[in-house]
């Protein structure tokens, strides 16, 4: 199922340049984007919006709270929306751990921003 323009996405990435590019690309497609520079801030945003996100896009390797810990927490708080994980270095065991939490898929860094937009609009 696609994520419709106008829907709210939480975007989590510790590289501020990459985060800005992600936010601008998603906003250009008329998504409402809430951004966080690491998993700890993402948890704050998640709670400040009472968990009302249609999708979450998160990096894996981040300080304080990494992507896997974030996903585990979100699922524990009964977030049922789609979650995509971005990384340049996931091990097979990392991928399996994410699958155990029902993530929607993975984006291998670096990736083309058009691929991200297509992913959100077409599934």
Protein backbone atom coordinates (compact mmCIF):
# COMPACT_ATOMS: atom_id res chain seq x y z
CA UNK A 1 0.00 0.00 0.00
CA UNK A 2 1.40 3.40 -0.97
CA UNK A 3 1.90 6.27 1.42
CA UNK A 4 -0.24 9.13 0.12
CA UNK A 5 1.03 12.69 -0.16
CA UNK A 6 -0.06 14.64 2.90
CA UNK A 7 0.75 11.76 5.23
CA UNK A 8 3.18 12.27 8.13
CA UNK A 9 6.61 10.63 8.00
CA UNK A 10 9.22 10.55 10.75
CA UNK A 11 12.67 10.70 9.17
CA UNK A 12 15.66 9.79 11.37
CA UNK A 13 19.24 10.30 10.17
CA UNK A 14 22.33 11.45 12.09
CA UNK A 15 24.06 13.00 9.05
CA UNK A 16 22.46 16.45 8.89
CA UNK A 17 23.24 16.92 5.18
CA UNK A 18 21.62 13.61 4.28
CA UNK A 19 18.69 14.34 6.60
CA UNK A 20 18.10 17.71 4.92
CA UNK A 21 18.14 16.09 1.46
CA UNK A 22 15.65 13.45 2.61
CA UNK A 23 13.34 16.02 4.16
CA UNK A 24 13.40 18.29 1.10
CA UNK A 25 12.74 15.38 -1.26
CA UNK A 26 9.81 14.08 0.78
CA UNK A 27 8.34 17.54 1.30
CA UNK A 28 8.57 18.17 -2.46
CA UNK A 29 6.19 15.20 -2.82
CA UNK A 30 3.82 16.83 -0.31
CA UNK A 31 4.52 14.59 2.66
CA UNK A 32 4.52 16.14 6.12
CA UNK A 33 8.00 15.35 7.43
CA UNK A 34 9.15 15.40 11.03
CA UNK A 35 12.91 14.96 11.32
CA UNK A 36 15.27 13.80 14.04
CA UNK A 37 19.07 13.60 14.09
CA UNK A 38 19.19 10.39 16.14
CA UNK A 39 16.97 7.80 17.74
CA UNK A 40 16.69 9.63 21.06
CA UNK A 41 15.22 12.70 19.37
CA UNK A 42 13.04 10.42 17.25
CA UNK A 43 11.51 8.99 20.42
CA UNK A 44 10.81 12.53 21.64
CA UNK A 45 9.10 13.38 18.34
CA UNK A 46 7.18 10.11 18.36
CA UNK A 47 5.72 10.95 21.76
CA UNK A 48 5.10 14.62 20.99
CA UNK A 49 2.93 13.53 18.02
CA UNK A 50 1.33 10.77 20.12
CA UNK A 51 2.70 8.18 17.69
CA UNK A 52 0.60 9.53 14.82
CA UNK A 53 2.93 8.79 11.91
CA UNK A 54 2.04 6.99 8.72
CA UNK A 55 5.59 5.79 8.11
CA UNK A 56 9.07 5.96 9.57
CA UNK A 57 12.36 6.09 7.70
CA UNK A 58 15.35 5.49 9.94
CA UNK A 59 19.08 5.12 9.69
CA UNK A 60 20.60 2.10 11.39
CA UNK A 61 23.93 3.35 12.74
CA UNK A 62 23.24 6.36 14.99
CA UNK A 63 24.51 7.62 18.35
CA UNK A 64 22.53 7.20 21.58
CA UNK A 65 19.64 5.11 20.21
CA UNK A 66 20.40 3.16 17.04
CA UNK A 67 17.84 2.17 14.43
CA UNK A 68 17.22 -1.32 15.79
CA UNK A 69 16.60 -0.05 19.33
CA UNK A 70 14.30 2.62 17.89
CA UNK A 71 12.29 0.08 15.89
CA UNK A 72 12.03 -2.23 18.89
CA UNK A 73 10.72 0.65 21.01
CA UNK A 74 8.23 1.78 18.35
CA UNK A 75 6.81 -1.71 17.98
CA UNK A 76 6.61 -2.06 21.78
CA UNK A 77 4.47 1.09 21.75
CA UNK A 78 2.25 -0.62 19.17
CA UNK A 79 3.28 1.43 16.13
CA UNK A 80 1.82 -0.56 13.26
CA UNK A 81 2.88 1.70 10.38
CA UNK A 82 5.51 1.04 7.77
CA UNK A 83 9.16 1.34 8.77
CA UNK A 84 12.07 1.45 6.32
CA UNK A 85 15.70 1.14 7.42
CA UNK A 86 18.60 2.89 5.66
CA UNK A 87 22.15 1.63 6.03
CA UNK A 88 25.36 1.00 4.21
CA UNK A 89 26.40 -1.82 6.48
CA UNK A 90 23.71 -4.15 7.76
CA UNK A 91 24.83 -7.65 8.63
CA UNK A 92 22.55 -10.61 7.92
CA UNK A 93 21.80 -10.83 11.65
CA UNK A 94 20.89 -7.10 11.71
CA UNK A 95 18.50 -7.65 8.82
CA UNK A 96 16.92 -10.63 10.56
CA UNK A 97 16.51 -8.67 13.79
CA UNK A 98 14.73 -5.90 11.88
CA UNK A 99 12.55 -8.44 10.05
CA UNK A 100 11.55 -9.87 13.45
CA UNK A 101 10.07 -6.42 14.18
CA UNK A 102 8.21 -6.37 10.88
CA UNK A 103 10.06 -3.64 9.01
CA UNK A 104 8.80 -2.93 5.51
CA UNK A 105 12.22 -2.99 3.87
CA UNK A 106 15.77 -1.75 3.57
CA UNK A 107 17.50 0.96 1.56
CA UNK A 108 21.18 0.36 0.87
CA UNK A 109 23.17 3.60 1.26
CA UNK A 110 23.95 5.45 -0.83
CA UNK A 111 20.65 5.37 -2.71
CA UNK A 112 19.00 7.59 -5.26
CA UNK A 113 16.37 9.88 -3.73
CA UNK A 114 14.06 9.04 -6.64
CA UNK A 115 14.10 5.43 -5.43
CA UNK A 116 12.96 6.58 -2.00
CA UNK A 117 10.10 8.61 -3.46
CA UNK A 118 9.05 5.71 -5.69
CA UNK A 119 9.14 3.39 -2.69
CA UNK A 120 6.84 5.60 -0.65
CA UNK A 121 4.42 6.35 -3.47
CA UNK A 122 4.14 2.90 -5.00
CA UNK A 123 3.86 0.34 -2.21
